[in-house]
């Protein structure tokens, strides 16, 4: 299965989430940047609010694509001890990478959210959306951080993820909705015809469009 682009993937994902349509206890939290075009389509189709939840991968020095952990909004950090040992990463390196990614996380919070407060998620069902999941290490940090805000349920929703990753994440959330579960998986981009990077400007525009008209008029 190949998705035309993130918007089309979001439209398809929304069709698997119709049970959440119009519910006052449901919010969509999209992971920037690529998850926001997907999450925006889901939120629009279901008629529920959209917000962002930022997760940053902690990459092994010199092999940045290999994650040894992740950080997320709210200050949560999750480390993969096996990768840390295997790669011989020192405590100083862990802190150095964490500090760098923390600065980027904070920058994105400022750029995307501005002065607007985060949506209230306590006691609600959160649909946590990304454009795809590879190993799930970054997502684990996001899930752990979300738990600090006491949602009633977390449902992981994504267009594509390896079946093995979904099995590993099954016990971390109350539900997983995935359109395509390939056994052979190399990278998220292989399942998109258009996988160009999502720009900060696009994220901001989608978040602005999703705000209720009254809030936009009041400048909130």
Protein backbone atom coordinates (compact mmCIF):
# COMPACT_ATOMS: atom_id res chain seq x y z
CA UNK A 1 0.00 0.00 0.00
CA UNK A 2 1.32 3.43 -1.02
CA UNK A 3 -0.26 6.65 0.27
CA UNK A 4 -0.31 9.58 -2.15
CA UNK A 5 0.77 12.02 0.58
CA UNK A 6 0.20 12.74 4.28
CA UNK A 7 -3.17 14.40 3.65
CA UNK A 8 -4.45 11.34 1.79
CA UNK A 9 -3.05 9.10 4.53
CA UNK A 10 -4.93 11.13 7.14
CA UNK A 11 -8.16 10.83 5.20
CA UNK A 12 -7.75 7.06 5.04
CA UNK A 13 -6.81 6.82 8.72
CA UNK A 14 -9.91 8.81 9.69
CA UNK A 15 -12.11 6.17 8.06
CA UNK A 16 -10.77 3.68 10.63
CA UNK A 17 -11.64 6.02 13.52
CA UNK A 18 -15.27 6.87 12.83
CA UNK A 19 -16.32 5.61 16.26
CA UNK A 20 -14.77 8.77 17.73
CA UNK A 21 -16.72 11.19 15.51
CA UNK A 22 -18.09 14.27 17.27
CA UNK A 23 -17.26 13.06 20.77
CA UNK A 24 -16.66 15.81 23.31
CA UNK A 25 -14.22 13.60 25.23
CA UNK A 26 -11.85 13.08 22.27
CA UNK A 27 -8.84 15.15 21.16
CA UNK A 28 -6.27 14.55 18.45
CA UNK A 29 -2.63 15.13 19.38
CA UNK A 30 -0.38 15.12 16.32
CA UNK A 31 3.40 14.70 16.49
CA UNK A 32 5.22 17.43 14.50
CA UNK A 33 6.16 17.81 11.95
CA UNK A 34 5.00 15.01 9.66
CA UNK A 35 2.19 13.88 11.93
CA UNK A 36 0.39 17.22 11.78
CA UNK A 37 -0.96 16.99 8.19
CA UNK A 38 -2.19 13.48 9.04
CA UNK A 39 -3.68 14.55 12.37
CA UNK A 40 -5.33 17.62 10.84
CA UNK A 41 -7.27 15.43 8.41
CA UNK A 42 -8.29 13.07 11.21
CA UNK A 43 -9.46 15.93 13.44
CA UNK A 44 -11.36 17.56 10.56
CA UNK A 45 -13.10 14.34 9.57
CA UNK A 46 -14.07 13.45 13.15
CA UNK A 47 -15.01 16.99 14.18
CA UNK A 48 -12.74 16.99 17.24
CA UNK A 49 -10.02 19.41 18.44
CA UNK A 50 -6.42 19.23 17.20
CA UNK A 51 -3.25 20.02 19.11
CA UNK A 52 0.41 19.03 18.94
CA UNK A 53 2.54 16.82 21.14
CA UNK A 54 6.24 17.04 20.44
CA UNK A 55 8.57 14.04 20.65
CA UNK A 56 12.27 14.23 19.78
CA UNK A 57 14.44 11.21 19.08
CA UNK A 58 17.80 10.94 20.84
CA UNK A 59 20.20 9.68 18.18
CA UNK A 60 23.42 7.76 18.75
CA UNK A 61 26.36 10.13 18.10
CA UNK A 62 27.64 9.42 14.61
CA UNK A 63 24.61 7.21 13.87
CA UNK A 64 21.82 9.69 14.46
CA UNK A 65 19.17 7.56 12.75
CA UNK A 66 19.63 4.95 15.49
CA UNK A 67 17.68 6.08 18.55
CA UNK A 68 18.93 5.39 22.04
CA UNK A 69 15.89 7.13 23.50
CA UNK A 70 13.58 10.10 23.15
CA UNK A 71 12.22 13.13 24.97
CA UNK A 72 8.72 14.58 24.82
CA UNK A 73 6.67 17.60 25.81
CA UNK A 74 6.45 17.78 29.57
CA UNK A 75 10.09 16.89 30.20
CA UNK A 76 9.79 13.10 29.94
CA UNK A 77 12.87 11.19 28.78
CA UNK A 78 12.91 7.49 27.91
CA UNK A 79 16.20 5.65 27.27
CA UNK A 80 16.76 2.32 25.54
CA UNK A 81 19.35 0.76 27.85
CA UNK A 82 20.19 -1.98 25.35
CA UNK A 83 21.15 0.56 22.65
CA UNK A 84 23.06 2.68 25.18
CA UNK A 85 25.15 -0.35 26.17
CA UNK A 86 25.60 -1.64 22.63
CA UNK A 87 26.74 1.75 21.30
CA UNK A 88 28.89 2.51 24.35
CA UNK A 89 27.24 5.88 24.91
CA UNK A 90 28.59 7.75 27.92
CA UNK A 91 26.55 9.71 30.45
CA UNK A 92 28.06 12.94 29.12
CA UNK A 93 26.99 12.06 25.58
CA UNK A 94 23.49 11.24 26.75
CA UNK A 95 23.18 14.62 28.45
CA UNK A 96 24.72 16.49 25.50
CA UNK A 97 22.31 14.95 22.99
CA UNK A 98 19.39 15.42 25.36
CA UNK A 99 20.18 19.13 25.81
CA UNK A 100 20.43 19.67 22.05
CA UNK A 101 17.10 17.98 21.37
CA UNK A 102 15.49 19.77 24.33
CA UNK A 103 16.36 23.11 22.74
CA UNK A 104 14.75 22.04 19.45
CA UNK A 105 11.67 20.74 21.29
CA UNK A 106 11.30 24.07 23.09
CA UNK A 107 11.80 25.98 19.83
CA UNK A 108 9.02 24.02 18.18
CA UNK A 109 6.71 24.62 21.14
CA UNK A 110 7.27 28.37 20.78
CA UNK A 111 6.90 28.45 17.01
CA UNK A 112 3.86 26.19 16.74
CA UNK A 113 1.92 27.10 19.85
CA UNK A 114 2.95 30.67 20.60
CA UNK A 115 1.02 31.94 23.60
CA UNK A 116 -1.91 29.56 23.15
CA UNK A 117 -2.28 27.03 25.95
CA UNK A 118 -2.25 23.31 25.30
CA UNK A 119 -5.57 21.52 25.08
CA UNK A 120 -6.83 19.98 28.31
CA UNK A 121 -6.52 16.20 28.02
CA UNK A 122 -7.18 15.08 31.60
CA UNK A 123 -9.92 12.46 31.58
CA UNK A 124 -10.18 12.47 27.78
CA UNK A 125 -9.45 10.00 25.03
CA UNK A 126 -6.33 11.04 23.16
CA UNK A 127 -5.79 9.97 19.56
CA UNK A 128 -1.99 10.20 19.27
CA UNK A 129 -1.22 10.57 15.56
CA UNK A 130 1.99 10.36 13.53
CA UNK A 131 2.64 9.82 9.82
CA UNK A 132 4.22 6.45 10.56
CA UNK A 133 6.05 4.52 13.24
CA UNK A 134 9.32 2.66 12.73
CA UNK A 135 10.85 1.21 15.91
CA UNK A 136 8.44 2.86 18.35
CA UNK A 137 11.18 4.16 20.68
CA UNK A 138 10.20 7.80 20.23
CA UNK A 139 6.54 6.96 20.55
CA UNK A 140 7.17 5.27 23.89
CA UNK A 141 8.51 8.56 25.25
CA UNK A 142 5.43 10.36 23.99
CA UNK A 143 3.10 7.84 25.58
CA UNK A 144 4.94 7.99 28.92
CA UNK A 145 4.82 11.79 28.87
CA UNK A 146 1.11 11.82 28.05
CA UNK A 147 0.36 9.61 31.04
CA UNK A 148 1.54 12.47 33.27
CA UNK A 149 -1.49 14.47 32.08
CA UNK A 150 -3.94 11.74 33.18
CA UNK A 151 -5.91 11.05 29.99
CA UNK A 152 -8.65 8.46 30.25
CA UNK A 153 -7.32 6.55 27.25
CA UNK A 154 -4.50 6.81 24.71
CA UNK A 155 -5.16 5.42 21.24
CA UNK A 156 -2.19 5.31 18.92
CA UNK A 157 -3.26 6.09 15.34
CA UNK A 158 -1.00 5.99 12.30
CA UNK A 159 -1.19 5.16 8.58
CA UNK A 160 1.69 2.68 8.64
CA UNK A 161 3.87 0.77 11.10
CA UNK A 162 5.57 -2.63 11.15
CA UNK A 163 3.40 -5.34 12.65
CA UNK A 164 6.22 -6.13 15.07
CA UNK A 165 6.32 -2.55 16.38
CA UNK A 166 2.57 -2.52 16.97
CA UNK A 167 2.87 -5.75 18.91
CA UNK A 168 5.56 -4.18 21.12
CA UNK A 169 3.47 -1.07 21.76
CA UNK A 170 0.21 -2.91 22.39
CA UNK A 171 0.59 -2.95 26.18
CA UNK A 172 1.58 0.73 26.36
CA UNK A 173 -1.76 2.10 25.12
CA UNK A 174 -5.46 1.36 25.26
CA UNK A 175 -5.72 0.92 21.52
CA UNK A 176 -3.77 0.95 18.25
CA UNK A 177 -5.27 1.84 14.88
CA UNK A 178 -3.00 1.33 11.88
CA UNK A 179 -4.11 1.30 8.25
CA UNK A 180 -1.18 -0.73 6.90
CA UNK A 181 0.85 -3.28 8.87
CA UNK A 182 3.65 -4.49 6.59
CA UNK A 183 5.88 -7.33 7.70
CA UNK A 184 8.67 -6.02 5.45
CA UNK A 185 9.51 -2.49 6.58
CA UNK A 186 12.61 -0.39 5.85
CA UNK A 187 11.47 3.22 6.29
CA UNK A 188 8.23 5.18 6.62
CA UNK A 189 8.92 7.05 3.39
CA UNK A 190 8.73 3.89 1.28
CA UNK A 191 4.95 3.86 1.82
CA UNK A 192 4.38 7.41 0.53
CA UNK A 193 4.52 8.64 -3.06
CA UNK A 194 5.14 12.16 -1.70
CA UNK A 195 7.16 12.21 1.52
CA UNK A 196 8.68 15.68 1.30
CA UNK A 197 9.50 17.23 4.69
CA UNK A 198 6.67 19.09 6.39
CA UNK A 199 7.69 22.71 7.00
CA UNK A 200 7.17 24.74 10.17
CA UNK A 201 4.94 27.12 8.19
CA UNK A 202 2.65 24.26 7.17
CA UNK A 203 2.36 23.06 10.77
CA UNK A 204 1.44 26.56 11.96
CA UNK A 205 -1.12 27.01 9.17
CA UNK A 206 -2.83 23.69 9.92
CA UNK A 207 -3.01 24.44 13.63
CA UNK A 208 -4.45 27.91 12.91
CA UNK A 209 -7.07 26.45 10.57
CA UNK A 210 -8.12 23.93 13.22
CA UNK A 211 -8.88 26.56 15.87
CA UNK A 212 -12.55 27.44 16.34
CA UNK A 213 -13.59 30.64 14.52
CA UNK A 214 -14.45 32.36 17.82
CA UNK A 215 -10.97 31.72 19.20
CA UNK A 216 -9.32 33.03 16.03
CA UNK A 217 -11.41 36.19 16.13
CA UNK A 218 -10.48 36.78 19.76
CA UNK A 219 -6.79 36.19 19.02
CA UNK A 220 -6.58 33.20 21.37
